[in-house]
N, C-alpha and C. Protein backbone atom coordinates (compact mmCIF):
# COMPACT_ATOMS: atom_id res chain seq x y z
N MET A 1 7.74 -0.22 16.77
CA MET A 1 6.80 0.26 15.77
C MET A 1 6.32 -0.91 14.94
N SER A 2 5.00 -1.10 14.85
CA SER A 2 4.47 -2.22 14.07
C SER A 2 4.53 -1.90 12.59
N THR A 3 4.54 -2.96 11.78
CA THR A 3 4.61 -2.76 10.34
C THR A 3 3.32 -2.16 9.79
N THR A 4 2.19 -2.35 10.47
CA THR A 4 0.94 -1.80 9.98
C THR A 4 0.82 -0.31 10.23
N SER A 5 1.64 0.27 11.11
CA SER A 5 1.51 1.69 11.43
C SER A 5 1.90 2.59 10.26
N LYS A 6 2.60 2.08 9.26
CA LYS A 6 2.97 2.91 8.12
C LYS A 6 1.89 2.92 7.03
N TYR A 7 0.78 2.22 7.25
CA TYR A 7 -0.31 2.16 6.29
C TYR A 7 -1.54 2.86 6.83
N ILE A 8 -2.42 3.29 5.93
CA ILE A 8 -3.72 3.80 6.35
C ILE A 8 -4.50 2.62 6.91
N MET A 9 -5.10 2.81 8.06
CA MET A 9 -5.88 1.75 8.70
C MET A 9 -7.37 2.08 8.54
N PHE A 10 -8.15 1.06 8.21
CA PHE A 10 -9.59 1.20 8.09
C PHE A 10 -10.23 0.01 8.78
N HIS A 11 -11.01 0.26 9.80
CA HIS A 11 -11.63 -0.80 10.61
C HIS A 11 -10.58 -1.81 11.09
N GLY A 12 -9.42 -1.30 11.49
CA GLY A 12 -8.38 -2.13 12.08
C GLY A 12 -7.54 -2.93 11.10
N LYS A 13 -7.70 -2.68 9.80
CA LYS A 13 -6.91 -3.41 8.80
C LYS A 13 -6.21 -2.41 7.87
N PRO A 14 -5.01 -2.75 7.39
CA PRO A 14 -4.30 -1.86 6.46
C PRO A 14 -5.04 -1.75 5.12
N LEU A 15 -5.02 -0.55 4.55
CA LEU A 15 -5.61 -0.26 3.25
C LEU A 15 -4.51 0.38 2.40
N VAL A 16 -4.15 -0.29 1.31
CA VAL A 16 -3.02 0.16 0.50
C VAL A 16 -3.45 0.25 -0.96
N ARG A 17 -3.13 1.37 -1.60
CA ARG A 17 -3.40 1.52 -3.03
C ARG A 17 -2.08 1.70 -3.76
N GLU A 18 -1.92 0.90 -4.83
CA GLU A 18 -0.78 1.03 -5.73
C GLU A 18 -1.34 1.13 -7.13
N GLY A 19 -1.36 2.33 -7.69
CA GLY A 19 -1.89 2.52 -9.02
C GLY A 19 -3.37 2.15 -9.08
N GLN A 20 -3.69 1.18 -9.89
CA GLN A 20 -5.08 0.75 -10.07
C GLN A 20 -5.43 -0.46 -9.22
N GLN A 21 -4.62 -0.76 -8.23
CA GLN A 21 -4.85 -1.90 -7.35
C GLN A 21 -4.99 -1.43 -5.90
N ILE A 22 -5.98 -2.01 -5.21
CA ILE A 22 -6.20 -1.70 -3.80
C ILE A 22 -6.18 -3.01 -3.02
N PHE A 23 -5.41 -3.03 -1.95
CA PHE A 23 -5.31 -4.21 -1.09
C PHE A 23 -5.82 -3.82 0.29
N TYR A 24 -6.61 -4.71 0.89
CA TYR A 24 -7.17 -4.44 2.21
C TYR A 24 -7.09 -5.71 3.05
N GLY A 25 -6.46 -5.61 4.20
CA GLY A 25 -6.40 -6.75 5.11
C GLY A 25 -5.01 -6.95 5.68
N ASN A 26 -4.95 -7.80 6.68
CA ASN A 26 -3.69 -8.14 7.34
C ASN A 26 -3.04 -9.33 6.65
N MET A 27 -1.78 -9.22 6.31
CA MET A 27 -1.08 -10.33 5.68
C MET A 27 -0.91 -11.50 6.65
N ASP A 28 -1.10 -11.28 7.94
CA ASP A 28 -1.05 -12.36 8.93
C ASP A 28 -2.34 -13.19 8.93
N ASP A 29 -3.41 -12.65 8.34
CA ASP A 29 -4.67 -13.40 8.22
C ASP A 29 -4.58 -14.37 7.05
N LYS A 30 -5.55 -15.27 6.97
CA LYS A 30 -5.55 -16.28 5.91
C LYS A 30 -5.90 -15.68 4.54
N TYR A 31 -6.70 -14.58 4.53
CA TYR A 31 -7.16 -13.98 3.28
C TYR A 31 -7.05 -12.46 3.33
N ILE A 32 -6.97 -11.85 2.15
CA ILE A 32 -7.04 -10.40 2.00
C ILE A 32 -8.02 -10.06 0.88
N LEU A 33 -8.43 -8.81 0.83
CA LEU A 33 -9.29 -8.31 -0.24
C LEU A 33 -8.43 -7.58 -1.25
N PHE A 34 -8.65 -7.89 -2.53
CA PHE A 34 -7.99 -7.20 -3.63
C PHE A 34 -9.06 -6.57 -4.50
N LEU A 35 -8.90 -5.28 -4.80
CA LEU A 35 -9.78 -4.57 -5.71
C LEU A 35 -8.95 -4.08 -6.89
N GLY A 36 -9.35 -4.44 -8.08
CA GLY A 36 -8.66 -4.00 -9.29
C GLY A 36 -9.54 -3.01 -10.04
N ILE A 37 -9.06 -1.79 -10.21
CA ILE A 37 -9.82 -0.76 -10.94
C ILE A 37 -9.64 -1.03 -12.42
N MET A 38 -10.72 -1.47 -13.06
CA MET A 38 -10.67 -1.86 -14.47
C MET A 38 -10.90 -0.67 -15.40
N THR A 39 -11.84 0.21 -15.03
CA THR A 39 -12.12 1.41 -15.82
C THR A 39 -12.40 2.57 -14.88
N THR A 40 -12.26 3.78 -15.42
CA THR A 40 -12.60 4.99 -14.69
C THR A 40 -13.59 5.81 -15.53
N LYS A 41 -14.24 6.76 -14.89
CA LYS A 41 -15.11 7.68 -15.61
C LYS A 41 -14.89 9.08 -15.05
N GLU A 42 -15.27 10.07 -15.83
CA GLU A 42 -15.09 11.45 -15.41
C GLU A 42 -16.33 11.93 -14.66
N VAL A 43 -16.11 12.47 -13.48
CA VAL A 43 -17.18 13.07 -12.68
C VAL A 43 -16.68 14.43 -12.20
N ASN A 44 -17.37 15.47 -12.59
CA ASN A 44 -16.98 16.84 -12.21
C ASN A 44 -15.52 17.13 -12.53
N GLY A 45 -15.08 16.68 -13.69
CA GLY A 45 -13.72 16.96 -14.14
C GLY A 45 -12.64 16.07 -13.54
N LYS A 46 -13.01 15.08 -12.75
CA LYS A 46 -12.03 14.16 -12.12
C LYS A 46 -12.31 12.74 -12.57
N GLN A 47 -11.25 11.95 -12.72
CA GLN A 47 -11.39 10.53 -13.04
C GLN A 47 -11.63 9.75 -11.75
N VAL A 48 -12.72 8.99 -11.72
CA VAL A 48 -13.05 8.18 -10.54
C VAL A 48 -13.20 6.72 -10.97
N PRO A 49 -12.89 5.78 -10.07
CA PRO A 49 -13.04 4.36 -10.41
C PRO A 49 -14.48 4.02 -10.79
N ASP A 50 -14.63 3.18 -11.82
CA ASP A 50 -15.97 2.79 -12.28
C ASP A 50 -16.15 1.28 -12.16
N ASP A 51 -15.63 0.50 -13.10
CA ASP A 51 -15.71 -0.97 -13.01
C ASP A 51 -14.61 -1.49 -12.12
N ILE A 52 -14.99 -2.24 -11.09
CA ILE A 52 -14.04 -2.74 -10.11
C ILE A 52 -14.12 -4.26 -10.02
N MET A 53 -12.99 -4.94 -10.15
CA MET A 53 -12.93 -6.38 -9.93
C MET A 53 -12.67 -6.61 -8.44
N ILE A 54 -13.41 -7.53 -7.85
CA ILE A 54 -13.28 -7.86 -6.43
C ILE A 54 -12.74 -9.28 -6.31
N GLN A 55 -11.70 -9.47 -5.50
CA GLN A 55 -11.17 -10.81 -5.26
C GLN A 55 -10.84 -10.97 -3.79
N ILE A 56 -11.15 -12.16 -3.28
CA ILE A 56 -10.63 -12.57 -1.98
C ILE A 56 -9.48 -13.51 -2.30
N GLN A 57 -8.28 -13.16 -1.84
CA GLN A 57 -7.09 -13.93 -2.15
C GLN A 57 -6.49 -14.53 -0.89
N SER A 58 -5.91 -15.71 -1.05
CA SER A 58 -5.17 -16.34 0.03
C SER A 58 -3.87 -15.57 0.24
N THR A 59 -3.42 -15.49 1.48
CA THR A 59 -2.13 -14.86 1.76
C THR A 59 -0.99 -15.88 1.69
N ALA A 60 -1.32 -17.14 1.40
CA ALA A 60 -0.28 -18.16 1.20
C ALA A 60 0.53 -17.80 -0.04
N ALA A 61 1.65 -18.46 -0.22
CA ALA A 61 2.56 -18.15 -1.31
C ALA A 61 1.90 -18.21 -2.69
N ASP A 62 0.87 -19.04 -2.86
CA ASP A 62 0.23 -19.18 -4.17
C ASP A 62 -0.78 -18.06 -4.47
N HIS A 63 -1.19 -17.27 -3.48
CA HIS A 63 -2.17 -16.19 -3.63
C HIS A 63 -3.43 -16.65 -4.37
N LYS A 64 -3.87 -17.85 -4.05
CA LYS A 64 -5.05 -18.43 -4.69
C LYS A 64 -6.27 -17.53 -4.51
N VAL A 65 -7.04 -17.38 -5.60
CA VAL A 65 -8.26 -16.58 -5.56
C VAL A 65 -9.39 -17.47 -5.04
N ILE A 66 -10.03 -17.03 -3.95
CA ILE A 66 -11.08 -17.79 -3.29
C ILE A 66 -12.46 -17.39 -3.82
N LYS A 67 -12.64 -16.11 -4.09
CA LYS A 67 -13.92 -15.61 -4.57
C LYS A 67 -13.65 -14.41 -5.46
N VAL A 68 -14.46 -14.26 -6.52
CA VAL A 68 -14.26 -13.15 -7.46
C VAL A 68 -15.60 -12.59 -7.90
N GLY A 69 -15.62 -11.29 -8.16
CA GLY A 69 -16.84 -10.64 -8.63
C GLY A 69 -16.50 -9.29 -9.24
N LYS A 70 -17.51 -8.56 -9.63
CA LYS A 70 -17.32 -7.25 -10.25
C LYS A 70 -18.47 -6.35 -9.84
N LYS A 71 -18.16 -5.11 -9.54
CA LYS A 71 -19.17 -4.11 -9.18
C LYS A 71 -18.83 -2.79 -9.86
N ASN A 72 -19.84 -1.93 -9.96
CA ASN A 72 -19.63 -0.57 -10.45
C ASN A 72 -19.48 0.36 -9.27
N GLY A 73 -18.42 1.12 -9.27
CA GLY A 73 -18.17 2.09 -8.21
C GLY A 73 -17.34 1.51 -7.08
N LEU A 74 -16.41 2.31 -6.62
CA LEU A 74 -15.49 1.87 -5.59
C LEU A 74 -16.19 1.59 -4.26
N TYR A 75 -17.14 2.42 -3.89
CA TYR A 75 -17.83 2.24 -2.61
C TYR A 75 -18.53 0.88 -2.56
N GLU A 76 -19.33 0.59 -3.59
CA GLU A 76 -20.08 -0.66 -3.61
C GLU A 76 -19.13 -1.87 -3.64
N ALA A 77 -18.08 -1.78 -4.46
CA ALA A 77 -17.12 -2.88 -4.55
C ALA A 77 -16.42 -3.11 -3.21
N PHE A 78 -16.03 -2.05 -2.54
CA PHE A 78 -15.33 -2.18 -1.26
C PHE A 78 -16.25 -2.76 -0.19
N GLU A 79 -17.50 -2.31 -0.16
CA GLU A 79 -18.44 -2.83 0.84
C GLU A 79 -18.71 -4.32 0.61
N TYR A 80 -18.95 -4.73 -0.63
CA TYR A 80 -19.14 -6.15 -0.93
C TYR A 80 -17.88 -6.93 -0.55
N GLY A 81 -16.74 -6.43 -0.94
CA GLY A 81 -15.48 -7.11 -0.66
C GLY A 81 -15.23 -7.27 0.83
N ARG A 82 -15.54 -6.26 1.61
CA ARG A 82 -15.36 -6.35 3.07
C ARG A 82 -16.24 -7.44 3.66
N VAL A 83 -17.48 -7.53 3.20
CA VAL A 83 -18.39 -8.58 3.69
C VAL A 83 -17.83 -9.95 3.32
N TRP A 84 -17.39 -10.10 2.07
CA TRP A 84 -16.81 -11.38 1.63
C TRP A 84 -15.59 -11.73 2.46
N LEU A 85 -14.72 -10.74 2.70
CA LEU A 85 -13.50 -10.99 3.47
C LEU A 85 -13.86 -11.41 4.90
N ASP A 86 -14.74 -10.70 5.54
CA ASP A 86 -15.14 -11.04 6.91
C ASP A 86 -15.73 -12.45 6.97
N THR A 87 -16.55 -12.80 5.98
CA THR A 87 -17.16 -14.13 5.93
C THR A 87 -16.09 -15.22 5.81
N GLU A 88 -15.13 -15.03 4.91
CA GLU A 88 -14.07 -16.03 4.72
C GLU A 88 -13.17 -16.13 5.95
N LEU A 89 -12.88 -15.01 6.59
CA LEU A 89 -12.02 -15.03 7.77
C LEU A 89 -12.73 -15.73 8.93
N LYS A 90 -14.03 -15.64 9.03
CA LYS A 90 -14.77 -16.34 10.08
C LYS A 90 -14.75 -17.84 9.87
N LYS A 91 -14.71 -18.27 8.61
CA LYS A 91 -14.65 -19.70 8.28
C LYS A 91 -13.27 -20.28 8.59
N ALA A 92 -12.24 -19.45 8.50
CA ALA A 92 -10.85 -19.94 8.62
C ALA A 92 -10.52 -20.42 10.02
């Protein structure tokens, strides 16, 4: 059994949420995507992510931040982050 099988997979990469933090990517790759939910807003009686910090982080021991940005809404932040991650992984 692979270690990734215990996680939700999206486009072949693990997607993990812990509280207000979302991690996307393989730890065996050089970089991963980190999304930090900074604020939420109420929509139809439910709290949904609003301001999202986007980071591409190194998987090395130092977890160096390679690229950082901010978007409104989880969908937009995740889509931008995926493009950034794919771009950095192609350079590696």
